[in-house]
Amino acid sequence: MQNIIVFFAAAFFEIAGCFAVWGWWRLDKSALWLIPAALCLGLFAWLLTLVEVEHAGRAYAIYGGIYIVASLAWLWVVEGARPDRWDMIGSLVCLIGAAIILYAPRDV
């Protein structure tokens, strides 16, 4: 359960950092938006080192599914655009894939 919390926290900080860059570049916000962008992206990278997975690549694969769900939550909560049924179906498929990778029995 701790891994899931860390993955979602990492997703929040990555999306917030990327959105700050998006705001600066695409929404004509101040270049000062790049400061929280850099801090958020650094925190995102650090958080991924805290997950209890034996290989970085596997952590990134699991994170990918969670990132998609978190991105759609951001779309809805921050940008005010409600995900459609295809977004929801796609995110469910991704979460199932991430869960299989995370919880599969492995010969370690």
Foldseek 3Di string as FASTA:
>chain_A
DVLLVLLLLLLVLQVQLVVLVCCVPPVVDDPVSNVSSVVSNVVSVVSLVPHPDDDSVLSVLLSVLSNLVSVQVCCCPVVVDHDDPVSVVVSVVSNVVSCCSVPPDDDD
